[in-house]
Amino acid sequence: MKKTLILFLVALTLQGCNPKMEFAEINGFTQGTTYHIVFETSPKRDLSEIRSEIEKILSDVDNSLSIYNDSSVISLINSNISDKTDTLFREMYRQSKEVWEMSSGAFDITVGPLVKSWGFGPDALQRFDASKLDSLLALVGMEKLAFEGDRIIKNDPDMYIDMNAIAQGYTVDLLVEFLSSRGVRDCLVEVGGEVRTSGDKGGAGWRVGVDRPVDGNYDPGADLEAIVRLDSLSLATSGNYRKFYVENGVKYSHTIDPHTGYPVRHTLLSATIISRTCATADAWATVCMVVGKDSAAAFIEKYDFLEGYLIFSDDQGNMKTWMSAGLSKIIEEQ
């Protein structure tokens, strides 16, 4: 799936603010990546209190959903030390289950054993053993999870739950909702490249860049493919050009198809999804990278809460793009 996996960061362009409005910035590190928050402020707002609350939200998410935190709720469940869940875990499970159903299983938070077996994520194995594929696939599938009250039940104790393909987007949503509760109307929140905005930056508009998906493009914003205006919307991008390895001349992507158990091999290079919430955009960007260009476009056109921008290679290896009708209305540069 998409992350532990920080897929590419989105370049943020902050230009042309209304001179009568003041904007504050808060930056830092979380979930193995960075976060960046810009919001309109006033002398009446206590910025230190806002930063403290933001750090608490980030800590709460880490303590619930981080597979890199050995004492988090999800880690204790994965190690079978506990089966107790918390509010954050249950909400992420609910949203993940919804995407799993709507994507016919392309999005699956139980794909962790396969991801590790292909050499990605924490405790990753060094080499994939094809003889173990059937036993690994037996551990995959959200239908093998159930709840009894606040307790989660795994069909097999070796099942491993990984919500990283949606958790960063959800973190962005939580931060935007917090700022809204403090009366902030205009803001941009970015965590690990997943972005959500509120308002329109004082009339100037929030402009967000999408990186060109070429191997070696590790400098976010250095080589942009497109810029979109993102007013009160969310954006997430997933791709396979920053997280992969090559062995015996074969490129292995971190995106694993939960149906086959193998890394995906298709022409889709990156998928950018626009939606109202960032958790939705985050999860569906992963879906697109699992299913490939044609099925991704079909999903985007099927669900009216999605808009998309797909970058793919044609039969001659040339880079091409596809965008939904709604996205064509907010793209500013291409």
Foldseek 3Di string as FASTA:
>chain_A
DCPPHLFAAWDWDDDDFDPVWDKDWDKDDASNFIKIKIFTDDPVDDVVVLVVVLVVLRVLLCQAARCVDCNRVQNCQLQVVFQAHDPVVVVLLVVQVVVCVLLVNQRWQQLVVLLLLCPDDPVRDDHHDVVCQVVSLVLTDPVQWDDDDRGIDGVDSNTHGHSPLQSQLVSQVVSVVVVVVVVTQWMWMDDSRKIFTGAANNPPFTKMFAADQDAPPRDHPPHTDFIFGHYQKIKDKGFFRDAWDADPRDIAGSQARSVRSGGDDEFWGMKMKMFNGRSVRSRLRSSDNNPDDPVSVVSQVVDVRIWMKIWGADPVRDIDIDTDPVRVVGIDTD
